Amino acid sequence: RLCKVKEGDELAFAFCVNDSDSIIVRLEDNKVIKLSPSDIKTSGKLTIGSKIVNSPVSHVCVANDYFYTLNDEGQIKKVDVKELGKSTASLNEGCIHIGPCGEKEVYWSRGKFTPFDWNKISVKSRTSHGAKITTAEIRVS
């Protein structure tokens, strides 16, 4: 048991983090906010926890230096977490997924997993659309 959950609620995300990590929270209104582990109050497993945002959350990821966004046009971009600051920031229209920029990443396209290298993707500003990595449909879980 990881934590207490209210009737009708469910635990959607759980991560191990270090003090140097950034927690990127994607809100349902197509905005993101960067949190530090120190922004979240430590609590026991029998507690519900603390409310940290006032909007429904659609995804969470832990990133060190960079995170990526993927849009419905197959464009991916690498964003520096420092660009987010402490307030919410809007994502580009059509954003379907965010995630950390890891060492080995793959995407599902044309019936197979295809690897790509983050070192070949340049850092883009939060407002840019990114680079198209494939013309085929991309699926993320």
Protein backbone atom coordinates (compact mmCIF):
# COMPACT_ATOMS: atom_id res chain seq x y z
CA ARG A 1 0.00 0.00 0.00
CA LEU A 2 1.49 3.30 -1.10
CA CYS A 3 -1.09 5.80 0.16
CA LYS A 4 -4.66 6.22 1.29
CA VAL A 5 -7.09 6.89 -1.58
CA LYS A 6 -10.56 8.45 -1.23
CA GLU A 7 -13.61 6.47 -2.32
CA GLY A 8 -13.94 6.81 -6.12
CA ASP A 9 -10.36 8.13 -6.58
CA GLU A 10 -7.34 6.21 -7.84
CA LEU A 11 -3.59 6.57 -7.62
CA ALA A 12 -2.51 7.62 -11.12
CA PHE A 13 1.22 8.40 -10.78
CA ALA A 14 4.00 7.45 -8.36
CA PHE A 15 7.70 8.20 -8.80
CA CYS A 16 10.92 8.06 -6.81
CA VAL A 17 12.61 11.45 -6.96
CA ASN A 18 15.79 13.15 -5.78
CA ASP A 19 16.06 16.72 -4.53
CA SER A 20 17.71 17.71 -7.83
CA ASP A 21 14.84 16.38 -9.98
CA SER A 22 12.09 18.47 -11.54
CA ILE A 23 8.53 17.17 -11.56
CA ILE A 24 6.71 18.19 -14.74
CA VAL A 25 2.92 18.14 -14.30
CA ARG A 26 0.70 18.33 -17.37
CA LEU A 27 -2.73 19.74 -16.59
CA GLU A 28 -5.88 18.93 -18.55
CA ASP A 29 -6.11 22.52 -19.81
CA ASN A 30 -2.94 21.93 -21.93
CA LYS A 31 -0.63 23.65 -19.48
CA VAL A 32 2.42 22.39 -17.60
CA ILE A 33 3.96 23.38 -14.32
CA LYS A 34 7.38 22.51 -12.91
CA LEU A 35 7.55 21.46 -9.28
CA SER A 36 10.46 20.62 -7.05
CA PRO A 37 10.30 17.62 -4.70
CA SER A 38 10.58 20.17 -1.86
CA ASP A 39 7.26 21.71 -3.03
CA ILE A 40 5.50 18.51 -1.98
CA LYS A 41 4.97 17.92 1.72
CA THR A 42 6.24 14.58 3.00
CA SER A 43 3.42 12.45 4.38
CA GLY A 44 2.85 8.91 5.59
CA LYS A 45 1.32 6.06 3.61
CA LEU A 46 -1.94 6.28 5.57
CA THR A 47 -2.58 9.88 4.48
CA ILE A 48 -4.19 11.15 1.28
CA GLY A 49 -1.46 13.70 0.58
CA SER A 50 -1.42 17.38 -0.31
CA LYS A 51 -3.19 19.15 -3.15
CA ILE A 52 -0.47 20.80 -5.24
CA VAL A 53 -2.43 22.08 -8.25
CA ASN A 54 -5.99 23.36 -8.69
CA SER A 55 -6.65 21.67 -12.03
CA PRO A 56 -7.09 18.04 -13.11
CA VAL A 57 -3.75 16.37 -13.92
CA SER A 58 -3.40 14.36 -17.14
CA HIS A 59 0.26 13.30 -16.91
CA VAL A 60 3.35 13.60 -14.71
CA CYS A 61 7.01 12.92 -15.47
CA VAL A 62 10.30 13.40 -13.64
CA ALA A 63 13.00 15.23 -15.60
CA ASN A 64 16.50 16.37 -14.74
CA ASP A 65 17.50 18.85 -17.42
CA TYR A 66 15.07 18.34 -20.32
CA PHE A 67 11.64 16.98 -21.13
CA TYR A 68 9.94 16.41 -24.47
CA THR A 69 6.56 17.20 -25.94
CA LEU A 70 4.95 15.27 -28.77
CA ASN A 71 2.08 16.70 -30.81
CA ASP A 72 -0.58 15.14 -33.01
CA GLU A 73 1.42 16.11 -36.13
CA GLY A 74 4.32 13.83 -35.12
CA GLN A 75 6.52 16.76 -34.07
CA ILE A 76 8.73 16.27 -31.05
CA LYS A 77 10.71 18.89 -29.21
CA LYS A 78 13.20 18.89 -26.38
CA VAL A 79 12.57 21.62 -23.79
CA ASP A 80 14.89 22.85 -21.02
CA VAL A 81 13.08 22.52 -17.66
CA LYS A 82 14.61 25.87 -16.58
CA GLU A 83 12.42 27.58 -19.17
CA LEU A 84 9.28 26.76 -17.18
CA GLY A 85 9.90 28.75 -14.02
CA LYS A 86 7.39 28.42 -11.15
CA SER A 87 4.16 29.43 -12.92
CA THR A 88 2.07 27.42 -15.39
CA ALA A 89 3.08 27.51 -19.05
CA SER A 90 0.91 26.71 -22.07
CA LEU A 91 1.82 23.79 -24.30
CA ASN A 92 1.44 23.98 -28.06
CA GLU A 93 -1.98 23.09 -29.39
CA GLY A 94 -2.20 19.43 -30.31
CA CYS A 95 0.26 18.24 -27.65
CA ILE A 96 -0.57 14.60 -26.91
CA HIS A 97 2.28 13.54 -24.63
CA ILE A 98 5.14 14.78 -22.44
CA GLY A 99 8.01 12.78 -21.02
CA PRO A 100 11.57 12.92 -19.73
CA CYS A 101 14.46 12.94 -22.20
CA GLY A 102 16.15 9.68 -21.32
CA GLU A 103 19.22 8.05 -22.75
CA LYS A 104 17.33 5.50 -24.85
CA GLU A 105 13.93 6.41 -26.20
CA VAL A 106 11.75 4.68 -28.73
CA TYR A 107 8.51 5.51 -30.45
CA TRP A 108 5.90 3.16 -31.94
CA SER A 109 5.34 3.78 -35.63
CA ARG A 110 4.50 1.61 -38.64
CA GLY A 111 4.06 -1.47 -36.45
CA LYS A 112 7.48 -1.38 -34.80
CA PHE A 113 9.48 0.37 -32.13
CA THR A 114 11.97 2.83 -33.59
CA PRO A 115 14.84 4.19 -31.44
CA PHE A 116 16.07 7.75 -31.60
CA ASP A 117 18.89 9.65 -29.99
CA TRP A 118 18.20 12.78 -27.91
CA ASN A 119 21.65 14.10 -28.80
CA LYS A 120 20.41 14.55 -32.38
CA ILE A 121 17.42 16.65 -31.28
CA SER A 122 18.22 20.27 -30.52
CA VAL A 123 16.63 22.15 -27.63
CA LYS A 124 13.62 24.23 -28.69
CA SER A 125 11.79 27.01 -26.92
CA ARG A 126 8.55 26.24 -25.13
CA THR A 127 6.57 27.94 -27.91
CA SER A 128 8.17 26.22 -30.92
CA HIS A 129 6.46 23.25 -32.56
CA GLY A 130 9.48 20.95 -32.77
CA ALA A 131 10.79 18.70 -35.50
CA LYS A 132 8.84 16.01 -37.31
CA ILE A 133 10.38 12.62 -36.53
CA THR A 134 8.16 10.51 -38.78
CA THR A 135 5.32 10.88 -41.24
CA ALA A 136 3.54 7.84 -39.77
CA GLU A 137 1.21 7.84 -36.78
CA ILE A 138 3.00 7.72 -33.44
CA ARG A 139 1.48 5.96 -30.46
CA VAL A 140 2.36 6.55 -26.83
CA SER A 141 1.02 4.75 -23.78
